[in-house]
Structure formats: structure tokens, C-alpha cells
Amino acid sequence: MELKKASPPVSEINVTPMVDVMLVVLIIFMVITPLLSKGVSVDMAKTRNPITMSDADKEDAVIVAVTRDGQVYLSPGVVKMQPEDLPQKVKDLLTNRASKMVFVKSDSRAKYERVEDVVDNLRAAGVDQIGLLTEQVQEKVSHGAKPSGGSI
């Protein structure tokens, strides 16, 4: 009876299963990430010198969004409502909070009348601090053009 010798151990690591798993995880993150956007997406007005409002990024920030077609949404929770219903809901959300600030983000093409209604109803709710959220203008510098804001 003849004994077979065992083959020598493989000293290389097979990375193919790890690469497969990582690609699947990458695809899952790519699909889920757009769904994690907080609130209603609006094309906000663009300004050159926006004021940073880091409190608007907090999980429990009270944000009122006005879409292009005039729909009004209140978050947290993203609830569609009429501007007339805002005072009571906002009062309920702001009770027992240290910060009484409410943020308004409006689509740049929304009717100003609708935004004004939202601000008026927030004032009726007793909100003294209203933050208007905007985006910063991304300036493009062409080759050969002088950069703005200084002389050379």
C-alpha cells in the first residue's frame, strides 16, 4: 500500500472572494446613499457669501421646505402641510427646546408669495429666529482671467 504525499501548502492568499464582497458592499452603498438625503430636495437660491448654519444639519432641526410648485413640507418627519397649519405644529416641535430657531429652505423658482406665507405663519407661531438656507455660488475661473476680489 503506497502512501500519497500531501501537496505543499499554498502560500498565496486568494483575494477574489474579498473583492467580490467589497464590490457588492460598494453597490449597496451607492444605491442607498441617495435615499438617505434628509428632507425634501429643493434647488436652493445661490449666494456668493452664505452664512454657515451648522444647526440646520442636526438630526432634530426644524426645517420648513417650499418646493418649486409651492408645496410646503415640515421636518423632522417630512410632513406635507398647508402654511396655515404651521403655527400649531411648529409650537409643538419647539416646546422644551433650548434653540427656538426654524430654518426655511426654498426652491429658487418658488413663488415669493408662498415663502412669505411660510415666514408669516412661523412668526405667528412665536418664532423669533428664522434661518434662510442657501447654497454657495461655485464660481468658474477661466484661463487667462483675473481672479475676482483682488488686484494684481
C-alpha atoms as a PDB file:
ATOM      1  CA  MET A   1       0.000   0.000   0.000  1.00  0.00           C
ATOM      2  CA  GLU A   2       1.513   3.225  -1.192  1.00  0.00           C
ATOM      3  CA  LEU A   3       1.052   6.487   0.766  1.00  0.00           C
ATOM      4  CA  LYS A   4       0.359   9.634  -1.175  1.00  0.00           C
ATOM      5  CA  LYS A   5       2.281  12.702  -0.237  1.00  0.00           C
ATOM      6  CA  ALA A   6       0.256  15.799   0.576  1.00  0.00           C
ATOM      7  CA  SER A   7       0.671  18.675  -1.807  1.00  0.00           C
ATOM      8  CA  PRO A   8       2.689  21.585  -0.468  1.00  0.00           C
ATOM      9  CA  PRO A   9       0.680  24.359   1.241  1.00  0.00           C
ATOM     10  CA  VAL A  10      -0.357  27.324  -0.897  1.00  0.00           C
ATOM     11  CA  SER A  11       1.367  30.433   0.346  1.00  0.00           C
ATOM     12  CA  GLU A  12      -0.723  32.892  -1.689  1.00  0.00           C
ATOM     13  CA  ILE A  13      -3.924  34.458  -0.405  1.00  0.00           C
ATOM     14  CA  ASN A  14      -6.954  34.200  -2.661  1.00  0.00           C
ATOM     15  CA  VAL A  15      -8.375  37.739  -2.731  1.00  0.00           C
ATOM     16  CA  THR A  16     -11.121  37.096  -5.283  1.00  0.00           C
ATOM     17  CA  PRO A  17     -13.865  36.405  -2.677  1.00  0.00           C
ATOM     18  CA  MET A  18     -12.886  39.532  -0.742  1.00  0.00           C
ATOM     19  CA  VAL A  19     -13.031  41.668  -3.899  1.00  0.00           C
ATOM     20  CA  ASP A  20     -16.459  40.234  -4.729  1.00  0.00           C
ATOM     21  CA  VAL A  21     -17.793  41.077  -1.281  1.00  0.00           C
ATOM     22  CA  MET A  22     -16.341  44.591  -1.399  1.00  0.00           C
ATOM     23  CA  LEU A  23     -17.925  45.253  -4.798  1.00  0.00           C
ATOM     24  CA  VAL A  24     -21.319  44.131  -3.502  1.00  0.00           C
ATOM     25  CA  VAL A  25     -20.953  46.395  -0.447  1.00  0.00           C
ATOM     26  CA  LEU A  26     -19.938  49.298  -2.713  1.00  0.00           C
ATOM     27  CA  ILE A  27     -23.007  48.796  -4.902  1.00  0.00           C
ATOM     28  CA  ILE A  28     -25.266  48.667  -1.848  1.00  0.00           C
ATOM     29  CA  PHE A  29     -23.836  51.955  -0.546  1.00  0.00           C
ATOM     30  CA  MET A  30     -24.182  53.563  -3.980  1.00  0.00           C
ATOM     31  CA  VAL A  31     -27.857  52.610  -4.112  1.00  0.00           C
ATOM     32  CA  ILE A  32     -28.720  53.545  -0.516  1.00  0.00           C
ATOM     33  CA  THR A  33     -26.796  56.842  -0.212  1.00  0.00           C
ATOM     34  CA  PRO A  34     -29.180  58.947  -2.361  1.00  0.00           C
ATOM     35  CA  LEU A  35     -32.098  57.648  -0.299  1.00  0.00           C
ATOM     36  CA  LEU A  36     -30.527  58.974   2.909  1.00  0.00           C
ATOM     37  CA  SER A  37     -30.893  62.633   1.945  1.00  0.00           C
ATOM     38  CA  LYS A  38     -32.641  64.432   4.738  1.00  0.00           C
ATOM     39  CA  GLY A  39     -35.851  66.255   3.927  1.00  0.00           C
ATOM     40  CA  VAL A  40     -37.238  67.395   0.625  1.00  0.00           C
ATOM     41  CA  SER A  41     -34.775  68.220  -2.121  1.00  0.00           C
ATOM     42  CA  VAL A  42     -35.103  71.745  -3.457  1.00  0.00           C
ATOM     43  CA  ASP A  43     -32.861  73.785  -5.725  1.00  0.00           C
ATOM     44  CA  MET A  44     -31.997  76.494  -3.208  1.00  0.00           C
ATOM     45  CA  ALA A  45     -31.071  80.056  -4.083  1.00  0.00           C
ATOM     46  CA  LYS A  46     -27.361  80.587  -4.642  1.00  0.00           C
ATOM     47  CA  THR A  47     -25.404  83.354  -2.895  1.00  0.00           C
ATOM     48  CA  ARG A  48     -21.792  84.490  -3.002  1.00  0.00           C
ATOM     49  CA  ASN A  49     -21.336  84.869   0.772  1.00  0.00           C
ATOM     50  CA  PRO A  50     -23.627  82.421   2.588  1.00  0.00           C
ATOM     51  CA  ILE A  51     -23.690  82.289   6.358  1.00  0.00           C
ATOM     52  CA  THR A  52     -22.884  78.841   7.692  1.00  0.00           C
ATOM     53  CA  MET A  53     -25.762  77.442   9.742  1.00  0.00           C
ATOM     54  CA  SER A  54     -24.438  74.218  11.198  1.00  0.00           C
ATOM     55  CA  ASP A  55     -27.531  73.791  13.400  1.00  0.00           C
ATOM     56  CA  ALA A  56     -29.574  73.063  10.256  1.00  0.00           C
ATOM     57  CA  ASP A  57     -27.655  69.807   9.805  1.00  0.00           C
ATOM     58  CA  LYS A  58     -28.676  68.468  13.198  1.00  0.00           C
ATOM     59  CA  GLU A  59     -30.992  65.489  13.352  1.00  0.00           C
ATOM     60  CA  ASP A  60     -33.757  67.344  15.217  1.00  0.00           C
ATOM     61  CA  ALA A  61     -33.560  70.679  13.346  1.00  0.00           C
ATOM     62  CA  VAL A  62     -36.935  72.166  12.446  1.00  0.00           C
ATOM     63  CA  ILE A  63     -36.863  72.829   8.699  1.00  0.00           C
ATOM     64  CA  VAL A  64     -39.673  74.121   6.516  1.00  0.00           C
ATOM     65  CA  ALA A  65     -39.169  73.461   2.795  1.00  0.00           C
ATOM     66  CA  VAL A  66     -41.023  75.210  -0.021  1.00  0.00           C
ATOM     67  CA  THR A  67     -40.824  73.395  -3.355  1.00  0.00           C
ATOM     68  CA  ARG A  68     -40.951  74.887  -6.829  1.00  0.00           C
ATOM     69  CA  ASP A  69     -44.653  74.099  -7.190  1.00  0.00           C
ATOM     70  CA  GLY A  70     -45.493  75.733  -3.841  1.00  0.00           C
ATOM     71  CA  GLN A  71     -45.819  72.627  -1.659  1.00  0.00           C
ATOM     72  CA  VAL A  72     -44.786  73.117   1.971  1.00  0.00           C
ATOM     73  CA  TYR A  73     -43.056  70.384   3.987  1.00  0.00           C
ATOM     74  CA  LEU A  74     -42.144  70.392   7.684  1.00  0.00           C
ATOM     75  CA  SER A  75     -39.390  68.222   9.071  1.00  0.00           C
ATOM     76  CA  PRO A  76     -38.301  66.328  11.154  1.00  0.00           C
ATOM     77  CA  GLY A  77     -40.531  63.662   9.739  1.00  0.00           C
ATOM     78  CA  VAL A  78     -41.094  65.413   6.369  1.00  0.00           C
ATOM     79  CA  VAL A  79     -44.821  66.129   6.613  1.00  0.00           C
ATOM     80  CA  LYS A  80     -46.640  67.892   3.781  1.00  0.00           C
ATOM     81  CA  MET A  81     -48.940  70.637   5.045  1.00  0.00           C
ATOM     82  CA  GLN A  82     -50.550  73.973   4.340  1.00  0.00           C
ATOM     83  CA  PRO A  83     -48.800  77.140   5.588  1.00  0.00           C
ATOM     84  CA  GLU A  84     -51.833  77.931   7.754  1.00  0.00           C
ATOM     85  CA  ASP A  85     -51.222  74.707   9.731  1.00  0.00           C
ATOM     86  CA  LEU A  86     -47.593  75.594  10.520  1.00  0.00           C
ATOM     87  CA  PRO A  87     -48.077  77.691  13.706  1.00  0.00           C
ATOM     88  CA  GLN A  88     -49.500  74.889  15.852  1.00  0.00           C
ATOM     89  CA  LYS A  89     -47.145  72.197  14.540  1.00  0.00           C
ATOM     90  CA  VAL A  90     -44.080  74.402  14.976  1.00  0.00           C
ATOM     91  CA  LYS A  91     -45.146  75.378  18.512  1.00  0.00           C
ATOM     92  CA  ASP A  92     -45.417  71.683  19.362  1.00  0.00           C
ATOM     93  CA  LEU A  93     -41.976  70.939  17.890  1.00  0.00           C
ATOM     94  CA  LEU A  94     -40.268  73.831  19.676  1.00  0.00           C
ATOM     95  CA  THR A  95     -41.648  73.189  23.170  1.00  0.00           C
ATOM     96  CA  ASN A  96     -38.921  72.176  25.650  1.00  0.00           C
ATOM     97  CA  ARG A  97     -36.090  73.086  23.257  1.00  0.00           C
ATOM     98  CA  ALA A  98     -33.192  75.354  24.022  1.00  0.00           C
ATOM     99  CA  SER A  99     -32.909  76.578  20.428  1.00  0.00           C
ATOM    100  CA  LYS A 100     -36.078  78.137  19.031  1.00  0.00           C
ATOM    101  CA  MET A 101     -34.597  78.548  15.533  1.00  0.00           C
ATOM    102  CA  VAL A 102     -36.533  77.378  12.482  1.00  0.00           C
ATOM    103  CA  PHE A 103     -34.840  77.013   9.110  1.00  0.00           C
ATOM    104  CA  VAL A 104     -36.560  77.749   5.798  1.00  0.00           C
ATOM    105  CA  LYS A 105     -35.237  76.313   2.586  1.00  0.00           C
ATOM    106  CA  SER A 106     -36.990  77.364  -0.554  1.00  0.00           C
ATOM    107  CA  ASP A 107     -36.600  76.452  -4.192  1.00  0.00           C
ATOM    108  CA  SER A 108     -35.105  79.367  -6.088  1.00  0.00           C
ATOM    109  CA  ARG A 109     -38.034  79.221  -8.521  1.00  0.00           C
ATOM    110  CA  ALA A 110     -40.774  79.060  -5.881  1.00  0.00           C
ATOM    111  CA  LYS A 111     -43.208  81.958  -5.752  1.00  0.00           C
ATOM    112  CA  TYR A 112     -42.084  84.518  -3.214  1.00  0.00           C
ATOM    113  CA  GLU A 113     -45.684  84.832  -2.010  1.00  0.00           C
ATOM    114  CA  ARG A 114     -45.598  81.229  -0.801  1.00  0.00           C
ATOM    115  CA  VAL A 115     -42.314  81.775   1.075  1.00  0.00           C
ATOM    116  CA  GLU A 116     -43.733  84.932   2.607  1.00  0.00           C
ATOM    117  CA  ASP A 117     -46.797  82.974   3.797  1.00  0.00           C
ATOM    118  CA  VAL A 118     -44.498  80.434   5.464  1.00  0.00           C
ATOM    119  CA  VAL A 119     -42.455  83.152   7.222  1.00  0.00           C
ATOM    120  CA  ASP A 120     -45.638  84.963   8.353  1.00  0.00           C
ATOM    121  CA  ASN A 121     -47.043  81.744   9.799  1.00  0.00           C
ATOM    122  CA  LEU A 122     -43.758  80.998  11.566  1.00  0.00           C
ATOM    123  CA  ARG A 123     -43.890  84.480  13.114  1.00  0.00           C
ATOM    124  CA  ALA A 124     -47.479  83.736  14.193  1.00  0.00           C
ATOM    125  CA  ALA A 125     -46.140  80.645  15.962  1.00  0.00           C
ATOM    126  CA  GLY A 126     -43.850  82.888  18.013  1.00  0.00           C
ATOM    127  CA  VAL A 127     -40.639  82.030  16.170  1.00  0.00           C
ATOM    128  CA  ASP A 128     -38.166  84.903  16.504  1.00  0.00           C
ATOM    129  CA  GLN A 129     -35.193  83.290  14.778  1.00  0.00           C
ATOM    130  CA  ILE A 130     -35.624  82.159  11.190  1.00  0.00           C
ATOM    131  CA  GLY A 131     -32.663  80.921   9.171  1.00  0.00           C
ATOM    132  CA  LEU A 132     -32.909  81.107   5.387  1.00  0.00           C
ATOM    133  CA  LEU A 133     -30.846  78.300   3.875  1.00  0.00           C
ATOM    134  CA  THR A 134     -28.936  78.959   0.649  1.00  0.00           C
ATOM    135  CA  GLU A 135     -26.132  77.404  -1.384  1.00  0.00           C
ATOM    136  CA  GLN A 136     -22.817  78.991  -2.277  1.00  0.00           C
ATOM    137  CA  VAL A 137     -22.217  80.006  -5.883  1.00  0.00           C
ATOM    138  CA  GLN A 138     -19.490  77.924  -7.481  1.00  0.00           C
ATOM    139  CA  GLU A 139     -17.531  80.445  -9.497  1.00  0.00           C
ATOM    140  CA  LYS A 140     -15.673  79.216 -12.553  1.00  0.00           C
ATOM    141  CA  VAL A 141     -12.340  80.840 -13.291  1.00  0.00           C
ATOM    142  CA  SER A 142     -11.385  80.683 -16.956  1.00  0.00           C
ATOM    143  CA  HIS A 143      -7.786  80.541 -18.103  1.00  0.00           C
ATOM    144  CA  GLY A 144      -6.288  83.973 -18.525  1.00  0.00           C
ATOM    145  CA  ALA A 145      -8.978  85.706 -16.464  1.00  0.00           C
ATOM    146  CA  LYS A 146      -8.079  87.598 -13.327  1.00  0.00           C
ATOM    147  CA  PRO A 147      -9.468  86.124 -10.116  1.00  0.00           C
ATOM    148  CA  SER A 148     -12.137  88.283  -8.528  1.00  0.00           C
ATOM    149  CA  GLY A 149     -11.602  90.027  -5.226  1.00  0.00           C
ATOM    150  CA  GLY A 150      -8.176  91.499  -5.652  1.00  0.00           C
ATOM    151  CA  SER A 151      -5.805  93.368  -7.895  1.00  0.00           C
ATOM    152  CA  ILE A 152      -2.624  92.046  -9.339  1.00  0.00           C
END
